[in-house]
Amino acid sequence: MGVGGYMKTEFDPGAMDLAAEKAKDVLESLDQVSVDLIAQWFADNYMAAGHKRLGRILVAWSKNHKG
């Protein structure tokens, strides 16, 4: 079992697809106004910055802003 309760997904595309579906389900259960804002931020920036860099920003934000 890996971080966040997900199975280790390195080099296992099927497991990564399953983890992505679970993540999508969680996203759909969150406050949709907030999700829409972050999704728009991502859409506005991913072509210039890249999805990996944006992902790192979000992970760092989550680590630094735990309530």
N, C-alpha and C. Protein backbone atom coordinates (compact mmCIF):
# COMPACT_ATOMS: atom_id res chain seq x y z
N MET A 1 0.85 -1.18 0.00
CA MET A 1 0.00 0.00 0.00
C MET A 1 0.90 1.23 0.00
N GLY A 2 0.58 2.19 -0.81
CA GLY A 2 1.39 3.40 -0.91
C GLY A 2 0.80 4.56 -0.14
N VAL A 3 1.26 5.74 -0.45
CA VAL A 3 0.82 6.96 0.20
C VAL A 3 -0.65 7.22 -0.10
N GLY A 4 -1.40 7.69 0.88
CA GLY A 4 -2.79 8.05 0.67
C GLY A 4 -3.73 6.88 0.55
N GLY A 5 -3.28 5.68 0.91
CA GLY A 5 -4.14 4.51 0.84
C GLY A 5 -4.20 3.87 -0.54
N TYR A 6 -3.48 4.42 -1.49
CA TYR A 6 -3.45 3.84 -2.83
C TYR A 6 -2.36 2.79 -2.91
N MET A 7 -2.57 1.81 -3.74
CA MET A 7 -1.53 0.81 -3.97
C MET A 7 -0.38 1.48 -4.70
N LYS A 8 0.83 0.98 -4.48
CA LYS A 8 1.99 1.49 -5.20
C LYS A 8 1.71 1.35 -6.70
N THR A 9 1.90 2.45 -7.45
CA THR A 9 1.49 2.45 -8.85
C THR A 9 2.65 2.57 -9.82
N GLU A 10 3.87 2.61 -9.35
CA GLU A 10 5.02 2.77 -10.24
C GLU A 10 5.06 1.64 -11.26
N PHE A 11 5.11 1.99 -12.53
CA PHE A 11 5.20 1.05 -13.64
C PHE A 11 3.98 0.13 -13.77
N ASP A 12 2.85 0.54 -13.23
CA ASP A 12 1.62 -0.25 -13.33
C ASP A 12 0.50 0.65 -13.84
N PRO A 13 0.38 0.80 -15.17
CA PRO A 13 -0.63 1.69 -15.73
C PRO A 13 -2.05 1.36 -15.27
N GLY A 14 -2.37 0.09 -15.10
CA GLY A 14 -3.71 -0.27 -14.64
C GLY A 14 -4.00 0.26 -13.25
N ALA A 15 -3.03 0.14 -12.36
CA ALA A 15 -3.19 0.66 -11.01
C ALA A 15 -3.26 2.18 -11.02
N MET A 16 -2.49 2.78 -11.92
CA MET A 16 -2.54 4.24 -12.02
C MET A 16 -3.90 4.71 -12.54
N ASP A 17 -4.48 3.97 -13.48
CA ASP A 17 -5.82 4.30 -13.97
C ASP A 17 -6.84 4.19 -12.85
N LEU A 18 -6.73 3.16 -12.03
CA LEU A 18 -7.64 2.98 -10.90
C LEU A 18 -7.48 4.11 -9.89
N ALA A 19 -6.24 4.47 -9.59
CA ALA A 19 -5.99 5.58 -8.67
C ALA A 19 -6.55 6.89 -9.22
N ALA A 20 -6.44 7.09 -10.53
CA ALA A 20 -6.99 8.30 -11.15
C ALA A 20 -8.51 8.34 -11.05
N GLU A 21 -9.15 7.20 -11.22
CA GLU A 21 -10.62 7.14 -11.08
C GLU A 21 -11.03 7.46 -9.65
N LYS A 22 -10.30 6.92 -8.68
CA LYS A 22 -10.59 7.22 -7.27
C LYS A 22 -10.41 8.71 -7.00
N ALA A 23 -9.32 9.28 -7.53
CA ALA A 23 -9.06 10.70 -7.35
C ALA A 23 -10.17 11.54 -7.98
N LYS A 24 -10.65 11.12 -9.14
CA LYS A 24 -11.75 11.83 -9.80
C LYS A 24 -13.01 11.78 -8.94
N ASP A 25 -13.30 10.63 -8.35
CA ASP A 25 -14.46 10.50 -7.48
C ASP A 25 -14.37 11.45 -6.28
N VAL A 26 -13.18 11.54 -5.70
CA VAL A 26 -12.98 12.45 -4.57
C VAL A 26 -13.17 13.90 -5.03
N LEU A 27 -12.59 14.24 -6.16
CA LEU A 27 -12.73 15.59 -6.71
C LEU A 27 -14.20 15.96 -6.90
N GLU A 28 -14.98 15.01 -7.40
CA GLU A 28 -16.41 15.27 -7.63
C GLU A 28 -17.18 15.42 -6.33
N SER A 29 -16.63 14.94 -5.22
CA SER A 29 -17.32 15.06 -3.93
C SER A 29 -16.98 16.36 -3.20
N LEU A 30 -16.00 17.11 -3.71
CA LEU A 30 -15.58 18.35 -3.07
C LEU A 30 -16.48 19.51 -3.48
N ASP A 31 -16.31 20.63 -2.78
CA ASP A 31 -17.04 21.85 -3.12
C ASP A 31 -16.74 22.23 -4.57
N GLN A 32 -17.77 22.21 -5.40
CA GLN A 32 -17.56 22.39 -6.84
C GLN A 32 -17.14 23.79 -7.24
N VAL A 33 -17.48 24.81 -6.46
CA VAL A 33 -17.01 26.16 -6.76
C VAL A 33 -15.49 26.21 -6.61
N SER A 34 -14.98 25.62 -5.54
CA SER A 34 -13.53 25.58 -5.33
C SER A 34 -12.85 24.75 -6.40
N VAL A 35 -13.41 23.61 -6.73
CA VAL A 35 -12.84 22.76 -7.76
C VAL A 35 -12.81 23.50 -9.09
N ASP A 36 -13.88 24.20 -9.42
CA ASP A 36 -13.93 24.97 -10.67
C ASP A 36 -12.83 26.02 -10.72
N LEU A 37 -12.58 26.70 -9.61
CA LEU A 37 -11.51 27.72 -9.56
C LEU A 37 -10.14 27.11 -9.81
N ILE A 38 -9.85 25.99 -9.15
CA ILE A 38 -8.55 25.35 -9.34
C ILE A 38 -8.43 24.76 -10.75
N ALA A 39 -9.52 24.19 -11.26
CA ALA A 39 -9.50 23.64 -12.61
C ALA A 39 -9.23 24.74 -13.64
N GLN A 40 -9.82 25.91 -13.43
CA GLN A 40 -9.59 27.02 -14.36
C GLN A 40 -8.15 27.51 -14.26
N TRP A 41 -7.62 27.59 -13.02
CA TRP A 41 -6.22 27.96 -12.82
C TRP A 41 -5.31 26.99 -13.58
N PHE A 42 -5.60 25.69 -13.46
CA PHE A 42 -4.80 24.67 -14.13
C PHE A 42 -4.89 24.85 -15.65
N ALA A 43 -6.12 25.01 -16.16
CA ALA A 43 -6.31 25.16 -17.61
C ALA A 43 -5.61 26.41 -18.15
N ASP A 44 -5.62 27.47 -17.35
CA ASP A 44 -5.00 28.73 -17.78
C ASP A 44 -3.47 28.65 -17.81
N ASN A 45 -2.89 27.70 -17.06
CA ASN A 45 -1.44 27.69 -16.88
C ASN A 45 -0.70 26.46 -17.40
N TYR A 46 -1.42 25.37 -17.69
CA TYR A 46 -0.69 24.14 -17.98
C TYR A 46 0.07 24.16 -19.31
N MET A 47 -0.40 24.89 -20.28
CA MET A 47 0.33 24.93 -21.56
C MET A 47 1.68 25.64 -21.39
N ALA A 48 1.73 26.68 -20.61
CA ALA A 48 2.97 27.42 -20.43
C ALA A 48 3.88 26.78 -19.38
N ALA A 49 3.29 26.28 -18.29
CA ALA A 49 4.09 25.78 -17.17
C ALA A 49 4.26 24.26 -17.19
N GLY A 50 3.31 23.55 -17.75
CA GLY A 50 3.36 22.10 -17.75
C GLY A 50 2.65 21.50 -16.55
N HIS A 51 2.05 20.33 -16.78
CA HIS A 51 1.24 19.72 -15.72
C HIS A 51 2.09 19.24 -14.55
N LYS A 52 3.32 18.83 -14.78
CA LYS A 52 4.16 18.37 -13.67
C LYS A 52 4.51 19.52 -12.74
N ARG A 53 4.86 20.65 -13.29
CA ARG A 53 5.19 21.81 -12.46
C ARG A 53 3.97 22.27 -11.68
N LEU A 54 2.82 22.30 -12.33
CA LEU A 54 1.59 22.70 -11.63
C LEU A 54 1.25 21.70 -10.53
N GLY A 55 1.44 20.42 -10.81
CA GLY A 55 1.21 19.41 -9.79
C GLY A 55 2.12 19.61 -8.60
N ARG A 56 3.38 19.93 -8.85
CA ARG A 56 4.31 20.19 -7.74
C ARG A 56 3.86 21.39 -6.91
N ILE A 57 3.35 22.41 -7.57
CA ILE A 57 2.84 23.59 -6.86
C ILE A 57 1.69 23.18 -5.94
N LEU A 58 0.77 22.38 -6.44
CA LEU A 58 -0.38 21.96 -5.64
C LEU A 58 0.05 21.08 -4.47
N VAL A 59 0.98 20.17 -4.69
CA VAL A 59 1.46 19.31 -3.60
C VAL A 59 2.16 20.16 -2.54
N ALA A 60 3.02 21.08 -2.96
CA ALA A 60 3.71 21.95 -2.01
C ALA A 60 2.70 22.80 -1.24
N TRP A 61 1.70 23.30 -1.93
CA TRP A 61 0.66 24.10 -1.26
C TRP A 61 -0.03 23.27 -0.19
N SER A 62 -0.38 22.04 -0.52
CA SER A 62 -1.08 21.19 0.45
C SER A 62 -0.21 20.90 1.67
N LYS A 63 1.10 20.75 1.47
CA LYS A 63 2.00 20.50 2.59
C LYS A 63 2.17 21.72 3.47
N ASN A 64 2.16 22.91 2.87
CA ASN A 64 2.41 24.14 3.60
C ASN A 64 1.16 24.79 4.19
N HIS A 65 -0.02 24.31 3.83
CA HIS A 65 -1.26 24.96 4.28
C HIS A 65 -2.21 23.97 4.95
N LYS A 66 -1.65 23.04 5.67
CA LYS A 66 -2.51 22.09 6.40
C LYS A 66 -3.13 22.81 7.59
N GLY A 67 -4.46 22.60 7.71
CA GLY A 67 -5.19 23.28 8.80
C GLY A 67 -5.21 22.47 9.98
